[in-house]
C-alpha cells in the first residue's frame, strides 16, 4: 500500500543522509510503500535503474514543479529533465559524481 505521505514526495528534490551515497542529491520518482521511494539523479542513477531509499534516510527539499506535474500524470521524465531540475534547485551542486569532482577541485 502506498501512503499519501510518500506520494506527496513525488517530484521533490532530496539529499541522501545515509549510505554510500550520503550527500548526493536526487529527485523522488516513485513511491514503493509507506516508507520507501525510488530516487534518480539522471546520471549514475537514471530512470532505467532508480535507487530504492528509505524515506527516513532522506532530507527533503523543494519541489521540482515540472517533474512533479509529469510524475502526477503518470509520465516518466527523461534523465536530462532530472539533471536540469537538480541543477536549478536552490543551492544544489551538480548531480552525481560531477559534484564531488567540482568540490574536490574547489578545496585544492
N, C-alpha and C. Protein backbone atom coordinates (compact mmCIF):
# COMPACT_ATOMS: atom_id res chain seq x y z
N UNK A 1 0.83 -1.18 0.00
CA UNK A 1 0.00 0.00 0.00
C UNK A 1 0.88 1.25 0.00
N UNK A 2 0.60 2.18 -0.89
CA UNK A 2 1.36 3.42 -0.99
C UNK A 2 0.63 4.49 -0.19
N UNK A 3 1.34 5.13 0.73
CA UNK A 3 0.71 6.13 1.58
C UNK A 3 0.70 7.49 0.89
N UNK A 4 -0.18 8.37 1.38
CA UNK A 4 -0.25 9.72 0.85
C UNK A 4 1.04 10.49 1.12
N UNK A 5 1.71 10.18 2.22
CA UNK A 5 2.95 10.88 2.58
C UNK A 5 4.05 10.60 1.55
N UNK A 6 4.20 9.35 1.13
CA UNK A 6 5.24 9.04 0.14
C UNK A 6 4.83 9.53 -1.24
N UNK A 7 3.55 9.51 -1.55
CA UNK A 7 3.08 10.02 -2.84
C UNK A 7 3.30 11.53 -2.91
N UNK A 8 3.19 12.23 -1.79
CA UNK A 8 3.41 13.67 -1.76
C UNK A 8 4.87 14.03 -2.02
N UNK A 9 5.76 13.07 -1.91
CA UNK A 9 7.18 13.32 -2.16
C UNK A 9 7.54 13.28 -3.65
N UNK A 10 6.64 12.82 -4.50
CA UNK A 10 6.94 12.73 -5.93
C UNK A 10 7.36 14.08 -6.48
N UNK A 11 8.49 14.10 -7.18
CA UNK A 11 8.98 15.33 -7.77
C UNK A 11 9.78 16.21 -6.83
N UNK A 12 9.98 15.76 -5.59
CA UNK A 12 10.75 16.56 -4.62
C UNK A 12 12.24 16.30 -4.79
N UNK A 13 13.03 17.34 -4.62
CA UNK A 13 14.47 17.20 -4.58
C UNK A 13 14.83 16.75 -3.17
N UNK A 14 15.68 15.73 -3.07
CA UNK A 14 16.07 15.20 -1.77
C UNK A 14 17.58 15.00 -1.73
N UNK A 15 18.12 14.94 -0.52
CA UNK A 15 19.53 14.63 -0.30
C UNK A 15 19.60 13.39 0.55
N UNK A 16 20.46 12.46 0.15
CA UNK A 16 20.64 11.24 0.93
C UNK A 16 21.42 11.56 2.19
N UNK A 17 20.92 11.09 3.33
CA UNK A 17 21.62 11.33 4.59
C UNK A 17 22.27 10.07 5.15
N UNK A 18 22.09 8.94 4.48
CA UNK A 18 22.68 7.69 4.95
C UNK A 18 23.06 6.82 3.77
N UNK A 19 24.08 6.02 3.96
CA UNK A 19 24.52 5.08 2.93
C UNK A 19 25.75 5.59 2.21
N UNK A 20 26.20 4.81 1.25
CA UNK A 20 27.38 5.19 0.48
C UNK A 20 27.15 6.45 -0.33
N UNK A 21 25.90 6.75 -0.63
CA UNK A 21 25.56 7.92 -1.43
C UNK A 21 25.23 9.14 -0.58
N UNK A 22 25.62 9.13 0.69
CA UNK A 22 25.30 10.24 1.61
C UNK A 22 25.78 11.56 1.01
N UNK A 23 24.88 12.54 1.00
CA UNK A 23 25.19 13.86 0.46
C UNK A 23 24.80 14.05 -0.99
N UNK A 24 24.47 12.98 -1.69
CA UNK A 24 24.07 13.09 -3.10
C UNK A 24 22.63 13.57 -3.21
N UNK A 25 22.37 14.35 -4.24
CA UNK A 25 21.01 14.87 -4.48
C UNK A 25 20.30 14.01 -5.52
N UNK A 26 19.01 13.83 -5.30
CA UNK A 26 18.16 13.05 -6.19
C UNK A 26 16.80 13.72 -6.32
N UNK A 27 15.98 13.19 -7.22
CA UNK A 27 14.57 13.55 -7.33
C UNK A 27 13.78 12.28 -7.06
N UNK A 28 12.73 12.38 -6.24
CA UNK A 28 11.87 11.23 -5.96
C UNK A 28 11.00 10.99 -7.19
N UNK A 29 11.08 9.78 -7.76
CA UNK A 29 10.36 9.47 -9.00
C UNK A 29 9.24 8.45 -8.81
N UNK A 30 9.20 7.76 -7.67
CA UNK A 30 8.13 6.79 -7.42
C UNK A 30 8.05 6.48 -5.93
N UNK A 31 6.87 6.10 -5.49
CA UNK A 31 6.64 5.66 -4.11
C UNK A 31 6.42 4.16 -4.13
N UNK A 32 7.10 3.45 -3.22
CA UNK A 32 7.00 1.99 -3.18
C UNK A 32 6.16 1.47 -2.03
N UNK A 33 5.91 2.28 -1.06
CA UNK A 33 5.16 1.83 0.09
C UNK A 33 5.10 2.93 1.12
N UNK A 34 4.89 2.54 2.35
CA UNK A 34 4.74 3.51 3.42
C UNK A 34 6.04 4.28 3.66
N UNK A 35 7.19 3.61 3.55
CA UNK A 35 8.44 4.27 3.90
C UNK A 35 9.55 4.13 2.85
N UNK A 36 9.23 3.70 1.66
CA UNK A 36 10.24 3.52 0.62
C UNK A 36 9.86 4.30 -0.65
N UNK A 37 10.89 4.88 -1.29
CA UNK A 37 10.70 5.60 -2.55
C UNK A 37 11.82 5.22 -3.51
N UNK A 38 11.62 5.52 -4.78
CA UNK A 38 12.66 5.37 -5.78
C UNK A 38 13.16 6.77 -6.13
N UNK A 39 14.49 6.93 -6.18
CA UNK A 39 15.09 8.23 -6.49
C UNK A 39 16.01 8.09 -7.69
N UNK A 40 16.17 9.20 -8.42
CA UNK A 40 17.03 9.22 -9.60
C UNK A 40 17.78 10.54 -9.64
N UNK A 41 19.03 10.49 -10.14
CA UNK A 41 19.78 11.73 -10.33
C UNK A 41 19.99 12.03 -11.81
N UNK A 42 19.51 11.18 -12.68
CA UNK A 42 19.62 11.40 -14.12
C UNK A 42 20.99 11.08 -14.69
N UNK A 43 21.92 10.68 -13.84
CA UNK A 43 23.28 10.37 -14.30
C UNK A 43 23.62 8.93 -13.91
N UNK A 44 24.23 8.76 -12.74
CA UNK A 44 24.56 7.40 -12.28
C UNK A 44 23.31 6.60 -12.00
N UNK A 45 22.28 7.24 -11.49
CA UNK A 45 21.00 6.57 -11.22
C UNK A 45 19.94 7.19 -12.11
N UNK A 46 19.89 6.70 -13.35
CA UNK A 46 18.92 7.21 -14.30
C UNK A 46 17.55 6.55 -14.11
N UNK A 47 16.62 6.92 -14.95
CA UNK A 47 15.27 6.37 -14.85
C UNK A 47 15.22 4.89 -15.19
N UNK A 48 16.25 4.39 -15.86
CA UNK A 48 16.27 2.97 -16.19
C UNK A 48 16.62 2.11 -14.98
N UNK A 49 17.27 2.71 -13.95
CA UNK A 49 17.58 1.97 -12.72
C UNK A 49 17.64 2.91 -11.52
N UNK A 50 16.48 3.40 -11.09
CA UNK A 50 16.45 4.30 -9.93
C UNK A 50 16.84 3.56 -8.65
N UNK A 51 17.26 4.33 -7.66
CA UNK A 51 17.71 3.76 -6.38
C UNK A 51 16.56 3.71 -5.40
N UNK A 52 16.45 2.60 -4.69
CA UNK A 52 15.44 2.42 -3.64
C UNK A 52 16.00 3.01 -2.34
N UNK A 53 15.25 3.93 -1.73
CA UNK A 53 15.71 4.58 -0.50
C UNK A 53 14.59 4.62 0.53
N UNK A 54 14.98 4.49 1.79
CA UNK A 54 14.06 4.63 2.91
C UNK A 54 13.83 6.13 3.12
N UNK A 55 12.60 6.55 3.31
CA UNK A 55 12.26 7.96 3.46
C UNK A 55 13.00 8.60 4.63
N UNK A 56 13.21 7.85 5.71
CA UNK A 56 13.89 8.45 6.86
C UNK A 56 15.38 8.65 6.61
N UNK A 57 15.91 8.17 5.49
CA UNK A 57 17.30 8.39 5.13
C UNK A 57 17.45 9.54 4.14
N UNK A 58 16.39 10.35 3.98
CA UNK A 58 16.41 11.46 3.02
C UNK A 58 16.13 12.78 3.71
N UNK A 59 16.80 13.82 3.25
CA UNK A 59 16.49 15.19 3.64
C UNK A 59 15.67 15.76 2.49
N UNK A 60 14.45 16.22 2.78
CA UNK A 60 13.54 16.67 1.73
C UNK A 60 13.72 18.17 1.50
N UNK A 61 13.82 18.55 0.22
CA UNK A 61 13.97 19.95 -0.18
C UNK A 61 12.74 20.37 -0.98
N UNK A 62 12.91 21.34 -1.84
CA UNK A 62 11.80 21.90 -2.61
C UNK A 62 11.30 20.93 -3.69
N UNK A 63 10.15 21.30 -4.25
CA UNK A 63 9.55 20.54 -5.35
C UNK A 63 10.14 21.01 -6.66
N UNK A 64 10.39 20.09 -7.56
CA UNK A 64 10.74 20.42 -8.94
C UNK A 64 9.42 20.41 -9.71
N UNK A 65 8.80 21.59 -9.92
CA UNK A 65 7.41 21.65 -10.44
C UNK A 65 7.17 20.90 -11.75
N UNK A 66 8.08 21.04 -12.70
CA UNK A 66 7.88 20.38 -14.00
C UNK A 66 7.87 18.86 -13.84
N UNK A 67 8.78 18.35 -13.03
CA UNK A 67 8.84 16.91 -12.82
C UNK A 67 7.65 16.41 -12.01
N UNK A 68 7.26 17.17 -10.99
CA UNK A 68 6.13 16.76 -10.16
C UNK A 68 4.86 16.64 -11.01
N UNK A 69 4.66 17.58 -11.92
CA UNK A 69 3.47 17.54 -12.79
C UNK A 69 3.50 16.31 -13.70
N UNK A 70 4.66 16.02 -14.28
CA UNK A 70 4.77 14.85 -15.16
C UNK A 70 4.56 13.55 -14.39
N UNK A 71 5.15 13.47 -13.20
CA UNK A 71 5.01 12.25 -12.40
C UNK A 71 3.57 12.06 -11.93
N UNK A 72 2.89 13.15 -11.59
CA UNK A 72 1.49 13.07 -11.15
C UNK A 72 0.58 12.56 -12.28
N UNK A 73 0.95 12.86 -13.52
CA UNK A 73 0.17 12.39 -14.67
C UNK A 73 0.53 10.97 -15.08
N UNK A 74 1.51 10.38 -14.40
CA UNK A 74 1.92 9.02 -14.70
C UNK A 74 2.96 8.93 -15.80
N UNK A 75 3.52 10.06 -16.22
CA UNK A 75 4.54 10.07 -17.25
C UNK A 75 5.91 9.84 -16.63
N UNK A 76 6.85 9.35 -17.42
CA UNK A 76 8.21 9.13 -16.96
C UNK A 76 9.10 10.25 -17.48
N UNK A 77 9.72 11.01 -16.59
CA UNK A 77 10.61 12.09 -17.05
C UNK A 77 11.90 11.50 -17.63
N UNK A 78 12.53 12.27 -18.51
CA UNK A 78 13.81 11.85 -19.09
C UNK A 78 14.93 12.20 -18.13
N UNK A 79 16.05 11.54 -18.28
CA UNK A 79 17.21 11.80 -17.43
C UNK A 79 17.68 13.24 -17.54
N UNK A 80 17.59 13.82 -18.74
CA UNK A 80 18.00 15.21 -18.95
C UNK A 80 17.15 16.16 -18.11
N UNK A 81 15.86 15.86 -18.03
CA UNK A 81 14.95 16.70 -17.24
C UNK A 81 15.28 16.62 -15.76
N UNK A 82 15.66 15.45 -15.30
CA UNK A 82 16.03 15.28 -13.90
C UNK A 82 17.31 16.03 -13.59
N UNK A 83 18.31 15.93 -14.47
CA UNK A 83 19.56 16.66 -14.26
C UNK A 83 19.32 18.16 -14.26
N UNK A 84 18.45 18.65 -15.14
CA UNK A 84 18.13 20.07 -15.21
C UNK A 84 17.44 20.53 -13.92
N UNK A 85 16.50 19.73 -13.42
CA UNK A 85 15.78 20.09 -12.19
C UNK A 85 16.74 20.13 -11.01
N UNK A 86 17.69 19.22 -10.95
CA UNK A 86 18.66 19.22 -9.86
C UNK A 86 19.59 20.43 -9.97
N UNK A 87 19.96 20.81 -11.18
CA UNK A 87 20.83 21.97 -11.37
C UNK A 87 20.11 23.26 -11.01
N UNK A 88 18.79 23.31 -11.23
CA UNK A 88 18.01 24.52 -10.94
C UNK A 88 17.63 24.64 -9.47
N UNK A 89 17.76 23.54 -8.72
CA UNK A 89 17.39 23.57 -7.31
C UNK A 89 18.27 24.59 -6.58
N UNK A 90 17.67 25.34 -5.71
CA UNK A 90 18.38 26.40 -5.00
C UNK A 90 19.54 25.83 -4.20
N UNK A 91 20.74 26.30 -4.47
CA UNK A 91 21.92 25.86 -3.75
C UNK A 91 22.36 24.45 -4.05
N UNK A 92 21.79 23.85 -5.09
CA UNK A 92 22.13 22.46 -5.38
C UNK A 92 23.38 22.40 -6.24
N UNK A 93 24.37 21.62 -5.83
CA UNK A 93 25.51 21.38 -6.69
C UNK A 93 25.11 20.48 -7.84
N UNK A 94 25.98 20.31 -8.82
CA UNK A 94 25.67 19.43 -9.95
C UNK A 94 25.37 18.04 -9.46
N UNK A 95 24.61 17.31 -10.25
CA UNK A 95 24.19 15.97 -9.87
C UNK A 95 25.33 14.98 -9.99
N UNK A 96 25.28 13.96 -9.18
CA UNK A 96 26.16 12.81 -9.29
C UNK A 96 27.62 13.10 -9.01
N UNK A 97 28.49 12.37 -9.69
CA UNK A 97 29.92 12.45 -9.47
C UNK A 97 30.51 13.79 -9.84
N UNK A 98 29.83 14.55 -10.73
CA UNK A 98 30.34 15.86 -11.11
C UNK A 98 30.46 16.75 -9.88
N UNK A 99 29.52 16.61 -8.95
CA UNK A 99 29.51 17.44 -7.75
C UNK A 99 30.76 17.17 -6.92
N UNK A 100 31.09 15.92 -6.76
CA UNK A 100 32.25 15.57 -5.95
C UNK A 100 33.54 16.07 -6.61
N UNK A 101 33.66 15.92 -7.90
CA UNK A 101 34.86 16.37 -8.60
C UNK A 101 35.00 17.88 -8.48
N UNK A 102 33.92 18.62 -8.64
CA UNK A 102 33.96 20.08 -8.53
C UNK A 102 34.29 20.49 -7.11
N UNK A 103 33.74 19.80 -6.12
CA UNK A 103 34.01 20.12 -4.72
C UNK A 103 35.45 19.85 -4.36
N UNK A 104 36.02 18.77 -4.88
CA UNK A 104 37.40 18.46 -4.61
C UNK A 104 38.32 19.49 -5.25
N UNK A 105 37.98 19.95 -6.47
CA UNK A 105 38.79 20.93 -7.16
C UNK A 105 38.75 22.26 -6.44
N UNK A 106 37.59 22.64 -5.88
CA UNK A 106 37.44 23.91 -5.18
C UNK A 106 38.22 23.92 -3.88
N UNK A 107 38.37 22.75 -3.24
CA UNK A 107 39.09 22.68 -1.98
C UNK A 107 40.59 22.75 -2.17
N UNK A 108 41.07 22.33 -3.33
CA UNK A 108 42.54 22.25 -3.57
C UNK A 108 43.18 23.62 -3.69
